[in-house]
Protein backbone atom coordinates (compact mmCIF):
# COMPACT_ATOMS: atom_id res chain seq x y z
CA MET A 1 103.24 12.48 50.83
CA GLU A 2 100.92 9.40 50.59
CA ARG A 3 100.49 9.99 46.80
CA ILE A 4 104.28 9.88 46.47
CA SER A 5 104.80 6.84 48.49
CA HIS A 6 102.19 5.20 46.28
CA LEU A 7 103.60 6.46 42.90
CA MET A 8 106.95 4.61 44.16
CA GLY A 9 105.71 1.71 45.17
CA ILE A 10 103.44 1.43 41.86
CA HIS A 11 107.30 2.31 39.95
CA ARG A 12 108.90 -0.64 41.80
CA SER A 13 106.62 -2.93 41.05
CA LEU A 14 106.26 -2.21 37.34
CA ALA A 15 110.28 -2.24 37.51
CA ILE A 16 109.99 -5.85 39.03
CA ILE A 17 106.91 -7.05 36.42
CA PHE A 18 108.77 -5.66 33.02
CA SER A 19 112.68 -6.37 34.20
CA THR A 20 113.54 -7.89 31.41
CA GLN A 21 110.68 -5.91 29.12
CA GLY A 22 111.77 -2.62 28.35
CA ASP A 23 109.16 -0.62 26.94
CA ALA A 24 106.26 -3.30 28.17
CA VAL A 25 105.72 -1.07 31.31
CA TYR A 26 104.37 2.01 29.20
CA GLN A 27 102.20 -0.41 26.89
CA TRP A 28 100.86 -1.90 30.12
CA ILE A 29 100.28 1.50 31.59
CA SER A 30 98.38 2.97 28.73
CA LYS A 31 96.03 -0.58 27.42
CA PRO A 32 92.79 -0.92 28.71
CA ASN A 33 92.69 -3.83 31.81
CA SER A 34 89.77 -5.85 32.31
CA ALA A 35 90.82 -6.98 36.05
CA ALA A 36 89.69 -5.42 39.02
CA PRO A 37 89.69 -2.49 39.86
CA PHE A 38 90.13 -1.50 36.20
CA ASN A 39 87.08 -2.73 34.82
CA GLY A 40 87.69 -1.64 31.48
CA GLN A 41 90.13 1.12 32.00
CA SER A 42 94.02 1.31 31.56
CA ALA A 43 95.52 2.09 34.65
CA LEU A 44 96.69 5.36 33.45
CA GLN A 45 93.12 6.67 33.34
CA PHE A 46 92.19 4.62 36.86
CA MET A 47 94.81 6.64 38.35
CA LEU A 48 94.32 9.68 36.74
CA SER A 49 90.61 9.70 38.21
CA GLY A 50 91.95 12.31 41.21
CA LYS A 51 91.49 10.12 43.96
CA VAL A 52 94.23 8.72 46.25
CA ILE A 53 91.96 5.55 46.57
CA ALA A 54 92.94 4.77 42.79
CA LEU A 55 96.62 4.59 43.51
CA SER A 56 96.67 2.97 45.93
CA ASP A 57 94.45 0.22 44.02
CA VAL A 58 97.13 0.08 41.68
CA ARG A 59 99.77 -0.46 43.94
CA ARG A 60 98.37 -2.80 45.80
CA TYR A 61 97.11 -4.99 42.33
CA LEU A 62 100.72 -4.68 41.37
CA GLU A 63 101.91 -5.74 44.59
CA GLY A 64 99.74 -8.78 44.54
CA ILE A 65 100.86 -9.79 40.99
CA HIS A 66 104.75 -10.05 41.67
């Protein structure tokens, strides 16, 4: 349930941030990102680390920029 909650929050934030940019969300999630917590990884690579904390960190990052 915790993972689903984070994924829904990430989806909501991405929908807000990229609401007028169509496919930009797919580009963002797969592009390398130098911001913390990604440290050069893409958001997708970071989230696929398998740890719930990674999902939480991405959600918190996105909520901080929208």
